[in-house]
């Protein structure tokens, strides 16, 4: 666990700033909230931390410290021993549960493809005509537009805040008139408030480079309480995403693939079918490459539709 500890001089007055310590993110919201509360008790300090970038600023000067390494958090040194001990215990218990209870496999060689079998199954279970893609993809976007896999799609609205990634997704999808990629410069979460998520049959949340930003996006989607929209979340092993998903009536975590995939919805569709699908995926994940969409579609049609009952989302 990397740390930075000590006093940093104020560049204007050359006076030492309050003693701080930089430590690995605890990945546990209550502890993070406690750290923030303690930090706010130090006069002249502003907390602005997230999982990828931290900044503590003295309001009396322009003193700043940034920790760019992923997974760090800045807290007052007096809180460190207790937070570290609780954080280590919580992280160890979670890792043991993932390994021995949920039996999550090793991370996929190509982590960008683990949501493909789930998306293909969703297209077989329900009629998907309108798709909201919060974070475009070189695998997901062209799959949505391929009538071999999503035969009913009429419109794909994609929101992307990475211009280079947007160009890659557009190139992979071609000049399909059903696709509208909107490239923005700020947070995707801010755009969600301008959309009616409930008008889409499926929404994929796979945006941003930081967990903090994607958590905000998912929270905004959940706040709208879409009635008939199936929300699919990539990297659902991330605890912050599962916390943000609590507002949905139904939540299923696909643990048979790593990164995990989350399925969230508010209608009456039972969870049991998708839990059976998760077990079925575990039996087939080593037999078929994750990016072989044709073989996955065939397998799903032959074997999985017995427990993934069709859903009417008209």
C-alpha atoms as a PDB file:
ATOM      1  CA  UNK A   1       0.000   0.000   0.000  1.00  0.00           C
ATOM      2  CA  UNK A   2       1.702   3.142  -1.189  1.00  0.00           C
ATOM      3  CA  UNK A   3       1.659   6.171   1.091  1.00  0.00           C
ATOM      4  CA  UNK A   4       2.766   9.757   1.060  1.00  0.00           C
ATOM      5  CA  UNK A   5       3.085  11.413   4.459  1.00  0.00           C
ATOM      6  CA  UNK A   6       4.544  14.656   5.730  1.00  0.00           C
ATOM      7  CA  UNK A   7       4.127  18.412   5.725  1.00  0.00           C
ATOM      8  CA  UNK A   8       4.077  20.417   2.526  1.00  0.00           C
ATOM      9  CA  UNK A   9       5.017  24.082   2.634  1.00  0.00           C
ATOM     10  CA  UNK A  10       2.556  26.697   1.456  1.00  0.00           C
ATOM     11  CA  UNK A  11       4.121  28.222  -1.700  1.00  0.00           C
ATOM     12  CA  UNK A  12       3.086  31.736  -0.666  1.00  0.00           C
ATOM     13  CA  UNK A  13       3.913  31.902   3.037  1.00  0.00           C
ATOM     14  CA  UNK A  14       6.339  28.957   3.257  1.00  0.00           C
ATOM     15  CA  UNK A  15       4.330  27.785   6.276  1.00  0.00           C
ATOM     16  CA  UNK A  16       3.711  24.033   6.604  1.00  0.00           C
ATOM     17  CA  UNK A  17       0.323  22.766   5.604  1.00  0.00           C
ATOM     18  CA  UNK A  18      -1.579  20.408   7.926  1.00  0.00           C
ATOM     19  CA  UNK A  19      -0.077  16.921   8.097  1.00  0.00           C
ATOM     20  CA  UNK A  20      -1.820  14.557   5.694  1.00  0.00           C
ATOM     21  CA  UNK A  21      -1.439  11.025   4.478  1.00  0.00           C
ATOM     22  CA  UNK A  22      -2.232   9.567   1.078  1.00  0.00           C
ATOM     23  CA  UNK A  23      -3.368   5.937   1.145  1.00  0.00           C
ATOM     24  CA  UNK A  24      -5.067   3.322  -0.992  1.00  0.00           C
ATOM     25  CA  UNK A  25      -8.772   3.807  -1.540  1.00  0.00           C
ATOM     26  CA  UNK A  26     -10.754   1.799   1.008  1.00  0.00           C
ATOM     27  CA  UNK A  27     -13.537   0.943  -1.467  1.00  0.00           C
ATOM     28  CA  UNK A  28     -16.088   1.216   1.310  1.00  0.00           C
ATOM     29  CA  UNK A  29     -18.471   4.210   1.184  1.00  0.00           C
ATOM     30  CA  UNK A  30     -19.108   4.559   4.963  1.00  0.00           C
ATOM     31  CA  UNK A  31     -15.374   4.728   5.685  1.00  0.00           C
ATOM     32  CA  UNK A  32     -14.814   7.174   2.850  1.00  0.00           C
ATOM     33  CA  UNK A  33     -17.639   9.345   4.192  1.00  0.00           C
ATOM     34  CA  UNK A  34     -16.072   9.237   7.661  1.00  0.00           C
ATOM     35  CA  UNK A  35     -12.699  10.270   6.255  1.00  0.00           C
ATOM     36  CA  UNK A  36     -14.315  13.195   4.465  1.00  0.00           C
ATOM     37  CA  UNK A  37     -16.109  14.268   7.645  1.00  0.00           C
ATOM     38  CA  UNK A  38     -12.858  14.264   9.620  1.00  0.00           C
ATOM     39  CA  UNK A  39     -11.027  16.116   6.856  1.00  0.00           C
ATOM     40  CA  UNK A  40     -13.660  18.851   6.914  1.00  0.00           C
ATOM     41  CA  UNK A  41     -12.970  19.524  10.617  1.00  0.00           C
ATOM     42  CA  UNK A  42      -9.486  20.853   9.804  1.00  0.00           C
ATOM     43  CA  UNK A  43      -9.732  24.642   9.290  1.00  0.00           C
ATOM     44  CA  UNK A  44      -8.967  25.864   5.807  1.00  0.00           C
ATOM     45  CA  UNK A  45      -9.131  22.457   4.146  1.00  0.00           C
ATOM     46  CA  UNK A  46     -11.357  21.399   1.252  1.00  0.00           C
ATOM     47  CA  UNK A  47     -11.903  17.718   0.405  1.00  0.00           C
ATOM     48  CA  UNK A  48     -12.256  16.878  -3.289  1.00  0.00           C
ATOM     49  CA  UNK A  49     -11.278  13.212  -3.493  1.00  0.00           C
ATOM     50  CA  UNK A  50     -12.296  10.389  -5.753  1.00  0.00           C
ATOM     51  CA  UNK A  51     -10.847   7.014  -6.759  1.00  0.00           C
ATOM     52  CA  UNK A  52      -8.506   8.396  -9.397  1.00  0.00           C
ATOM     53  CA  UNK A  53      -7.559  11.932  -8.410  1.00  0.00           C
ATOM     54  CA  UNK A  54      -7.332  13.638  -5.066  1.00  0.00           C
ATOM     55  CA  UNK A  55      -6.933  17.221  -4.184  1.00  0.00           C
ATOM     56  CA  UNK A  56      -6.722  18.846  -0.801  1.00  0.00           C
ATOM     57  CA  UNK A  57      -6.555  22.604  -0.964  1.00  0.00           C
ATOM     58  CA  UNK A  58      -5.847  25.114   1.751  1.00  0.00           C
ATOM     59  CA  UNK A  59      -8.430  27.875   1.343  1.00  0.00           C
ATOM     60  CA  UNK A  60      -5.946  30.426   2.660  1.00  0.00           C
ATOM     61  CA  UNK A  61      -3.546  29.873  -0.251  1.00  0.00           C
ATOM     62  CA  UNK A  62      -3.099  28.089  -3.521  1.00  0.00           C
ATOM     63  CA  UNK A  63      -1.458  25.087  -1.856  1.00  0.00           C
ATOM     64  CA  UNK A  64      -2.430  21.897  -3.664  1.00  0.00           C
ATOM     65  CA  UNK A  65      -1.450  18.280  -3.619  1.00  0.00           C
ATOM     66  CA  UNK A  66      -2.627  15.876  -6.291  1.00  0.00           C
ATOM     67  CA  UNK A  67      -2.270  12.117  -6.174  1.00  0.00           C
ATOM     68  CA  UNK A  68      -2.645  10.850  -9.714  1.00  0.00           C
ATOM     69  CA  UNK A  69      -2.128   7.132  -9.015  1.00  0.00           C
ATOM     70  CA  UNK A  70      -5.383   5.169  -9.269  1.00  0.00           C
ATOM     71  CA  UNK A  71      -6.851   4.082  -5.997  1.00  0.00           C
ATOM     72  CA  UNK A  72      -5.618   6.684  -3.548  1.00  0.00           C
ATOM     73  CA  UNK A  73      -7.402   8.849  -1.045  1.00  0.00           C
ATOM     74  CA  UNK A  74      -6.256  11.737   1.157  1.00  0.00           C
ATOM     75  CA  UNK A  75      -7.271  11.809   4.833  1.00  0.00           C
ATOM     76  CA  UNK A  76      -5.951  13.439   8.024  1.00  0.00           C
ATOM     77  CA  UNK A  77      -3.194  11.348   9.592  1.00  0.00           C
ATOM     78  CA  UNK A  78      -5.039  10.881  12.899  1.00  0.00           C
ATOM     79  CA  UNK A  79      -7.750   8.838  11.138  1.00  0.00           C
ATOM     80  CA  UNK A  80      -5.343   6.568   9.282  1.00  0.00           C
ATOM     81  CA  UNK A  81      -4.766   3.605  11.680  1.00  0.00           C
ATOM     82  CA  UNK A  82      -8.457   2.860  12.301  1.00  0.00           C
ATOM     83  CA  UNK A  83      -9.467   3.398   8.675  1.00  0.00           C
ATOM     84  CA  UNK A  84      -6.648   1.210   7.386  1.00  0.00           C
ATOM     85  CA  UNK A  85      -7.522  -1.650   9.735  1.00  0.00           C
ATOM     86  CA  UNK A  86     -11.237  -1.557   8.890  1.00  0.00           C
ATOM     87  CA  UNK A  87     -10.517  -1.108   5.194  1.00  0.00           C
ATOM     88  CA  UNK A  88      -8.132  -4.082   5.083  1.00  0.00           C
ATOM     89  CA  UNK A  89     -10.665  -6.306   6.862  1.00  0.00           C
ATOM     90  CA  UNK A  90     -13.554  -5.274   4.621  1.00  0.00           C
ATOM     91  CA  UNK A  91     -11.469  -5.721   1.468  1.00  0.00           C
ATOM     92  CA  UNK A  92     -10.219  -9.150   2.595  1.00  0.00           C
ATOM     93  CA  UNK A  93     -13.743 -10.385   3.377  1.00  0.00           C
ATOM     94  CA  UNK A  94     -15.008  -9.128   0.029  1.00  0.00           C
ATOM     95  CA  UNK A  95     -12.167 -10.831  -1.856  1.00  0.00           C
ATOM     96  CA  UNK A  96     -12.801 -14.116  -0.026  1.00  0.00           C
ATOM     97  CA  UNK A  97     -16.519 -13.929  -0.829  1.00  0.00           C
ATOM     98  CA  UNK A  98     -15.809 -13.226  -4.503  1.00  0.00           C
ATOM     99  CA  UNK A  99     -13.383 -16.134  -4.728  1.00  0.00           C
ATOM    100  CA  UNK A 100     -15.032 -18.868  -2.653  1.00  0.00           C
ATOM    101  CA  UNK A 101     -18.732 -17.938  -2.517  1.00  0.00           C
ATOM    102  CA  UNK A 102     -19.420 -16.223  -5.831  1.00  0.00           C
ATOM    103  CA  UNK A 103     -16.565 -18.108  -7.548  1.00  0.00           C
ATOM    104  CA  UNK A 104     -15.687 -15.153  -9.770  1.00  0.00           C
ATOM    105  CA  UNK A 105     -13.155 -16.269 -12.403  1.00  0.00           C
ATOM    106  CA  UNK A 106      -9.923 -14.521 -13.316  1.00  0.00           C
ATOM    107  CA  UNK A 107     -10.256 -11.297 -15.262  1.00  0.00           C
ATOM    108  CA  UNK A 108     -10.900 -11.936 -18.959  1.00  0.00           C
ATOM    109  CA  UNK A 109      -8.038 -11.500 -21.406  1.00  0.00           C
ATOM    110  CA  UNK A 110     -10.240  -9.012 -23.240  1.00  0.00           C
ATOM    111  CA  UNK A 111     -12.245  -7.259 -20.499  1.00  0.00           C
ATOM    112  CA  UNK A 112     -14.177  -5.186 -23.060  1.00  0.00           C
ATOM    113  CA  UNK A 113     -16.204  -8.210 -24.211  1.00  0.00           C
ATOM    114  CA  UNK A 114     -17.706  -9.734 -21.060  1.00  0.00           C
ATOM    115  CA  UNK A 115     -21.028  -7.962 -21.503  1.00  0.00           C
ATOM    116  CA  UNK A 116     -21.586  -9.325 -25.040  1.00  0.00           C
ATOM    117  CA  UNK A 117     -23.223 -12.669 -24.088  1.00  0.00           C
ATOM    118  CA  UNK A 118     -25.512 -10.830 -21.669  1.00  0.00           C
ATOM    119  CA  UNK A 119     -26.548  -8.273 -24.293  1.00  0.00           C
ATOM    120  CA  UNK A 120     -27.198 -11.024 -26.847  1.00  0.00           C
ATOM    121  CA  UNK A 121     -29.406 -12.841 -24.344  1.00  0.00           C
ATOM    122  CA  UNK A 122     -31.340  -9.644 -23.611  1.00  0.00           C
ATOM    123  CA  UNK A 123     -32.050  -9.238 -27.338  1.00  0.00           C
ATOM    124  CA  UNK A 124     -33.509 -12.771 -27.434  1.00  0.00           C
ATOM    125  CA  UNK A 125     -35.651 -12.205 -24.348  1.00  0.00           C
ATOM    126  CA  UNK A 126     -37.273  -8.875 -25.190  1.00  0.00           C
ATOM    127  CA  UNK A 127     -37.950  -6.703 -28.209  1.00  0.00           C
ATOM    128  CA  UNK A 128     -35.246  -4.020 -28.236  1.00  0.00           C
ATOM    129  CA  UNK A 129     -35.970  -1.095 -30.552  1.00  0.00           C
ATOM    130  CA  UNK A 130     -34.454   1.923 -28.832  1.00  0.00           C
ATOM    131  CA  UNK A 131     -31.093   1.776 -27.062  1.00  0.00           C
ATOM    132  CA  UNK A 132     -29.337   4.344 -24.886  1.00  0.00           C
ATOM    133  CA  UNK A 133     -25.590   3.756 -24.738  1.00  0.00           C
ATOM    134  CA  UNK A 134     -23.903   5.777 -22.000  1.00  0.00           C
ATOM    135  CA  UNK A 135     -20.338   5.214 -23.122  1.00  0.00           C
ATOM    136  CA  UNK A 136     -19.915   3.918 -26.676  1.00  0.00           C
ATOM    137  CA  UNK A 137     -17.924   0.801 -27.469  1.00  0.00           C
ATOM    138  CA  UNK A 138     -16.072  -0.880 -30.316  1.00  0.00           C
ATOM    139  CA  UNK A 139     -17.913  -4.111 -29.430  1.00  0.00           C
ATOM    140  CA  UNK A 140     -21.283  -3.033 -28.066  1.00  0.00           C
ATOM    141  CA  UNK A 141     -22.130  -0.286 -30.579  1.00  0.00           C
ATOM    142  CA  UNK A 142     -21.687  -2.391 -33.756  1.00  0.00           C
ATOM    143  CA  UNK A 143     -23.450  -5.318 -32.046  1.00  0.00           C
ATOM    144  CA  UNK A 144     -26.510  -3.165 -31.339  1.00  0.00           C
ATOM    145  CA  UNK A 145     -26.647  -2.169 -35.016  1.00  0.00           C
ATOM    146  CA  UNK A 146     -26.195  -5.683 -36.401  1.00  0.00           C
ATOM    147  CA  UNK A 147     -29.616  -7.115 -37.283  1.00  0.00           C
ATOM    148  CA  UNK A 148     -28.262 -10.635 -36.843  1.00  0.00           C
ATOM    149  CA  UNK A 149     -28.146  -9.960 -33.104  1.00  0.00           C
ATOM    150  CA  UNK A 150     -30.542  -7.041 -32.516  1.00  0.00           C
ATOM    151  CA  UNK A 151     -33.089  -7.424 -35.354  1.00  0.00           C
ATOM    152  CA  UNK A 152     -35.587  -4.843 -34.066  1.00  0.00           C
ATOM    153  CA  UNK A 153     -33.286  -1.881 -33.332  1.00  0.00           C
ATOM    154  CA  UNK A 154     -34.503   1.389 -34.800  1.00  0.00           C
ATOM    155  CA  UNK A 155     -32.352   3.885 -32.877  1.00  0.00           C
ATOM    156  CA  UNK A 156     -29.107   3.888 -30.870  1.00  0.00           C
ATOM    157  CA  UNK A 157     -28.319   7.084 -28.966  1.00  0.00           C
ATOM    158  CA  UNK A 158     -24.755   7.027 -27.645  1.00  0.00           C
ATOM    159  CA  UNK A 159     -23.240   9.581 -25.243  1.00  0.00           C
ATOM    160  CA  UNK A 160     -19.445   9.647 -25.053  1.00  0.00           C
ATOM    161  CA  UNK A 161     -17.034  12.014 -23.277  1.00  0.00           C
ATOM    162  CA  UNK A 162     -13.852  10.595 -24.797  1.00  0.00           C
ATOM    163  CA  UNK A 163     -13.438  11.979 -28.321  1.00  0.00           C
ATOM    164  CA  UNK A 164     -10.879   9.388 -29.432  1.00  0.00           C
ATOM    165  CA  UNK A 165     -13.030   6.522 -28.165  1.00  0.00           C
ATOM    166  CA  UNK A 166     -16.054   8.039 -29.896  1.00  0.00           C
ATOM    167  CA  UNK A 167     -14.165   8.010 -33.204  1.00  0.00           C
ATOM    168  CA  UNK A 168     -13.215   4.348 -32.724  1.00  0.00           C
ATOM    169  CA  UNK A 169     -16.813   3.363 -31.987  1.00  0.00           C
ATOM    170  CA  UNK A 170     -18.079   5.314 -34.995  1.00  0.00           C
ATOM    171  CA  UNK A 171     -15.515   3.642 -37.245  1.00  0.00           C
ATOM    172  CA  UNK A 172     -16.466   0.196 -35.938  1.00  0.00           C
ATOM    173  CA  UNK A 173     -20.176   0.876 -36.455  1.00  0.00           C
ATOM    174  CA  UNK A 174     -19.887   2.424 -39.923  1.00  0.00           C
ATOM    175  CA  UNK A 175     -22.306   4.967 -41.343  1.00  0.00           C
ATOM    176  CA  UNK A 176     -25.486   3.450 -40.005  1.00  0.00           C
ATOM    177  CA  UNK A 177     -28.213   6.144 -39.946  1.00  0.00           C
ATOM    178  CA  UNK A 178     -29.755   4.583 -36.836  1.00  0.00           C
ATOM    179  CA  UNK A 179     -26.699   5.583 -34.775  1.00  0.00           C
ATOM    180  CA  UNK A 180     -26.323   9.009 -33.194  1.00  0.00           C
ATOM    181  CA  UNK A 181     -23.115   9.460 -31.169  1.00  0.00           C
ATOM    182  CA  UNK A 182     -23.005  12.640 -29.124  1.00  0.00           C
ATOM    183  CA  UNK A 183     -19.514  13.563 -27.989  1.00  0.00           C
ATOM    184  CA  UNK A 184     -19.407  15.826 -24.943  1.00  0.00           C
ATOM    185  CA  UNK A 185     -16.606  17.425 -22.953  1.00  0.00           C
ATOM    186  CA  UNK A 186     -18.007  17.073 -19.444  1.00  0.00           C
ATOM    187  CA  UNK A 187     -19.507  14.339 -17.297  1.00  0.00           C
ATOM    188  CA  UNK A 188     -21.981  11.931 -18.867  1.00  0.00           C
ATOM    189  CA  UNK A 189     -24.103  12.138 -15.702  1.00  0.00           C
ATOM    190  CA  UNK A 190     -24.992  15.748 -16.479  1.00  0.00           C
ATOM    191  CA  UNK A 191     -26.482  14.709 -19.827  1.00  0.00           C
ATOM    192  CA  UNK A 192     -28.641  11.969 -18.290  1.00  0.00           C
ATOM    193  CA  UNK A 193     -30.837  14.615 -16.670  1.00  0.00           C
ATOM    194  CA  UNK A 194     -31.742  15.916 -20.141  1.00  0.00           C
ATOM    195  CA  UNK A 195     -32.894  12.455 -21.306  1.00  0.00           C
ATOM    196  CA  UNK A 196     -35.934  10.324 -20.563  1.00  0.00           C
ATOM    197  CA  UNK A 197     -34.325   6.953 -19.891  1.00  0.00           C
ATOM    198  CA  UNK A 198     -37.761   5.327 -19.671  1.00  0.00           C
ATOM    199  CA  UNK A 199     -38.317   5.789 -23.412  1.00  0.00           C
ATOM    200  CA  UNK A 200     -35.560   3.263 -24.188  1.00  0.00           C
ATOM    201  CA  UNK A 201     -35.908  -0.501 -24.137  1.00  0.00           C
ATOM    202  CA  UNK A 202     -32.293  -1.037 -23.074  1.00  0.00           C
ATOM    203  CA  UNK A 203     -29.680   1.257 -21.531  1.00  0.00           C
ATOM    204  CA  UNK A 204     -26.002   0.321 -21.293  1.00  0.00           C
ATOM    205  CA  UNK A 205     -23.960   2.150 -18.636  1.00  0.00           C
ATOM    206  CA  UNK A 206     -20.277   1.794 -19.544  1.00  0.00           C
ATOM    207  CA  UNK A 207     -19.026   5.384 -19.503  1.00  0.00           C
ATOM    208  CA  UNK A 208     -16.087   7.402 -18.223  1.00  0.00           C
ATOM    209  CA  UNK A 209     -12.570   6.574 -17.071  1.00  0.00           C
ATOM    210  CA  UNK A 210     -13.294   6.784 -13.336  1.00  0.00           C
ATOM    211  CA  UNK A 211     -15.606   4.875 -11.018  1.00  0.00           C
ATOM    212  CA  UNK A 212     -16.739   8.161  -9.461  1.00  0.00           C
ATOM    213  CA  UNK A 213     -18.084   9.451 -12.769  1.00  0.00           C
ATOM    214  CA  UNK A 214     -19.797   6.195 -13.720  1.00  0.00           C
ATOM    215  CA  UNK A 215     -21.347   5.970 -10.258  1.00  0.00           C
ATOM    216  CA  UNK A 216     -22.806   9.443 -10.790  1.00  0.00           C
ATOM    217  CA  UNK A 217     -24.153   8.383 -14.191  1.00  0.00           C
ATOM    218  CA  UNK A 218     -25.815   5.284 -12.775  1.00  0.00           C
ATOM    219  CA  UNK A 219     -27.263   7.269  -9.865  1.00  0.00           C
ATOM    220  CA  UNK A 220     -28.910   9.701 -12.301  1.00  0.00           C
ATOM    221  CA  UNK A 221     -30.337   6.795 -14.318  1.00  0.00           C
ATOM    222  CA  UNK A 222     -31.695   5.135 -11.171  1.00  0.00           C
ATOM    223  CA  UNK A 223     -33.241   8.396  -9.974  1.00  0.00           C
ATOM    224  CA  UNK A 224     -35.535   8.430 -13.031  1.00  0.00           C
ATOM    225  CA  UNK A 225     -36.971   5.018 -12.050  1.00  0.00           C
ATOM    226  CA  UNK A 226     -37.505   3.849 -15.649  1.00  0.00           C
ATOM    227  CA  UNK A 227     -40.458   1.451 -15.769  1.00  0.00           C
ATOM    228  CA  UNK A 228     -39.745  -0.899 -18.700  1.00  0.00           C
ATOM    229  CA  UNK A 229     -36.052  -0.269 -19.385  1.00  0.00           C
ATOM    230  CA  UNK A 230     -33.459  -2.986 -18.833  1.00  0.00           C
ATOM    231  CA  UNK A 231     -30.295  -1.283 -17.565  1.00  0.00           C
ATOM    232  CA  UNK A 232     -27.028  -3.150 -18.154  1.00  0.00           C
ATOM    233  CA  UNK A 233     -23.923  -2.031 -16.236  1.00  0.00           C
ATOM    234  CA  UNK A 234     -20.416  -3.158 -17.143  1.00  0.00           C
ATOM    235  CA  UNK A 235     -17.733  -3.677 -14.433  1.00  0.00           C
ATOM    236  CA  UNK A 236     -20.416  -4.437 -11.849  1.00  0.00           C
ATOM    237  CA  UNK A 237     -17.892  -5.977  -9.451  1.00  0.00           C
ATOM    238  CA  UNK A 238     -17.192  -2.355  -8.466  1.00  0.00           C
ATOM    239  CA  UNK A 239     -18.879  -1.800  -5.113  1.00  0.00           C
ATOM    240  CA  UNK A 240     -19.802   1.821  -5.812  1.00  0.00           C
ATOM    241  CA  UNK A 241     -21.903   0.734  -8.799  1.00  0.00           C
ATOM    242  CA  UNK A 242     -23.787  -1.811  -6.745  1.00  0.00           C
ATOM    243  CA  UNK A 243     -24.469   0.837  -4.091  1.00  0.00           C
ATOM    244  CA  UNK A 244     -25.844   3.191  -6.760  1.00  0.00           C
ATOM    245  CA  UNK A 245     -28.052   0.399  -8.118  1.00  0.00           C
ATOM    246  CA  UNK A 246     -29.947  -0.058  -4.841  1.00  0.00           C
ATOM    247  CA  UNK A 247     -32.748   2.189  -6.108  1.00  0.00           C
ATOM    248  CA  UNK A 248     -33.818  -0.436  -8.681  1.00  0.00           C
ATOM    249  CA  UNK A 249     -36.460  -2.970  -7.658  1.00  0.00           C
ATOM    250  CA  UNK A 250     -34.566  -5.872  -9.240  1.00  0.00           C
ATOM    251  CA  UNK A 251     -30.798  -6.385  -9.433  1.00  0.00           C
ATOM    252  CA  UNK A 252     -28.846  -9.355 -10.759  1.00  0.00           C
ATOM    253  CA  UNK A 253     -25.062  -9.532 -10.772  1.00  0.00           C
ATOM    254  CA  UNK A 254     -23.570 -11.736 -13.486  1.00  0.00           C
ATOM    255  CA  UNK A 255     -20.529 -13.087 -11.644  1.00  0.00           C
ATOM    256  CA  UNK A 256     -19.614 -15.869 -14.054  1.00  0.00           C
ATOM    257  CA  UNK A 257     -17.655 -13.400 -16.182  1.00  0.00           C
ATOM    258  CA  UNK A 258     -15.016 -10.929 -15.033  1.00  0.00           C
ATOM    259  CA  UNK A 259     -15.514  -7.967 -15.344  1.00  0.00           C
ATOM    260  CA  UNK A 260     -18.989  -8.614 -13.958  1.00  0.00           C
ATOM    261  CA  UNK A 261     -22.189  -7.358 -15.553  1.00  0.00           C
ATOM    262  CA  UNK A 262     -25.149  -5.877 -13.699  1.00  0.00           C
ATOM    263  CA  UNK A 263     -28.777  -6.204 -14.791  1.00  0.00           C
ATOM    264  CA  UNK A 264     -31.218  -3.709 -13.278  1.00  0.00           C
ATOM    265  CA  UNK A 265     -34.916  -3.174 -13.857  1.00  0.00           C
ATOM    266  CA  UNK A 266     -38.151  -1.979 -12.235  1.00  0.00           C
ATOM    267  CA  UNK A 267     -40.844  -4.005 -14.015  1.00  0.00           C
ATOM    268  CA  UNK A 268     -42.287  -7.386 -13.015  1.00  0.00           C
ATOM    269  CA  UNK A 269     -39.724  -9.578 -14.808  1.00  0.00           C
ATOM    270  CA  UNK A 270     -38.564 -12.245 -12.321  1.00  0.00           C
ATOM    271  CA  UNK A 271     -34.895 -12.435 -11.340  1.00  0.00           C
ATOM    272  CA  UNK A 272     -34.724 -16.237 -11.328  1.00  0.00           C
ATOM    273  CA  UNK A 273     -34.215 -16.604 -15.082  1.00  0.00           C
ATOM    274  CA  UNK A 274     -31.173 -14.342 -15.138  1.00  0.00           C
ATOM    275  CA  UNK A 275     -29.703 -16.107 -12.111  1.00  0.00           C
ATOM    276  CA  UNK A 276     -30.029 -19.383 -13.998  1.00  0.00           C
ATOM    277  CA  UNK A 277     -28.404 -17.706 -16.980  1.00  0.00           C
ATOM    278  CA  UNK A 278     -25.468 -16.738 -14.758  1.00  0.00           C
ATOM    279  CA  UNK A 279     -24.952 -20.385 -13.784  1.00  0.00           C
ATOM    280  CA  UNK A 280     -25.323 -21.442 -17.425  1.00  0.00           C
ATOM    281  CA  UNK A 281     -22.660 -18.908 -18.470  1.00  0.00           C
ATOM    282  CA  UNK A 282     -20.231 -20.377 -15.958  1.00  0.00           C
ATOM    283  CA  UNK A 283     -20.502 -23.735 -17.709  1.00  0.00           C
ATOM    284  CA  UNK A 284     -19.851 -22.292 -21.173  1.00  0.00           C
ATOM    285  CA  UNK A 285     -17.457 -19.367 -20.652  1.00  0.00           C
ATOM    286  CA  UNK A 286     -14.347 -21.464 -21.377  1.00  0.00           C
ATOM    287  CA  UNK A 287     -15.851 -23.138 -24.441  1.00  0.00           C
ATOM    288  CA  UNK A 288     -16.661 -20.100 -26.582  1.00  0.00           C
ATOM    289  CA  UNK A 289     -14.558 -16.929 -27.089  1.00  0.00           C
ATOM    290  CA  UNK A 290     -16.419 -13.992 -25.592  1.00  0.00           C
ATOM    291  CA  UNK A 291     -16.262 -12.011 -28.844  1.00  0.00           C
ATOM    292  CA  UNK A 292     -17.709 -14.866 -30.969  1.00  0.00           C
ATOM    293  CA  UNK A 293     -21.162 -13.388 -31.165  1.00  0.00           C
ATOM    294  CA  UNK A 294     -22.522 -15.920 -33.661  1.00  0.00           C
ATOM    295  CA  UNK A 295     -21.718 -18.926 -31.501  1.00  0.00           C
ATOM    296  CA  UNK A 296     -23.065 -17.234 -28.371  1.00  0.00           C
ATOM    297  CA  UNK A 297     -26.315 -16.343 -30.115  1.00  0.00           C
ATOM    298  CA  UNK A 298     -26.725 -19.927 -31.315  1.00  0.00           C
ATOM    299  CA  UNK A 299     -25.987 -21.348 -27.865  1.00  0.00           C
ATOM    300  CA  UNK A 300     -28.394 -18.938 -26.186  1.00  0.00           C
ATOM    301  CA  UNK A 301     -31.178 -19.807 -28.622  1.00  0.00           C
ATOM    302  CA  UNK A 302     -30.587 -23.552 -28.229  1.00  0.00           C
ATOM    303  CA  UNK A 303     -30.090 -23.797 -24.482  1.00  0.00           C
ATOM    304  CA  UNK A 304     -30.819 -20.624 -22.520  1.00  0.00           C
ATOM    305  CA  UNK A 305     -34.267 -19.611 -23.694  1.00  0.00           C
ATOM    306  CA  UNK A 306     -35.829 -22.321 -21.573  1.00  0.00           C
ATOM    307  CA  UNK A 307     -35.235 -20.244 -18.445  1.00  0.00           C
ATOM    308  CA  UNK A 308     -35.063 -16.755 -20.010  1.00  0.00           C
ATOM    309  CA  UNK A 309     -38.784 -16.411 -20.606  1.00  0.00           C
ATOM    310  CA  UNK A 310     -39.790 -13.758 -23.174  1.00  0.00           C
ATOM    311  CA  UNK A 311     -40.701 -10.393 -21.714  1.00  0.00           C
ATOM    312  CA  UNK A 312     -43.246  -7.979 -23.185  1.00  0.00           C
ATOM    313  CA  UNK A 313     -41.991  -4.421 -22.902  1.00  0.00           C
ATOM    314  CA  UNK A 314     -44.515  -2.847 -25.252  1.00  0.00           C
END
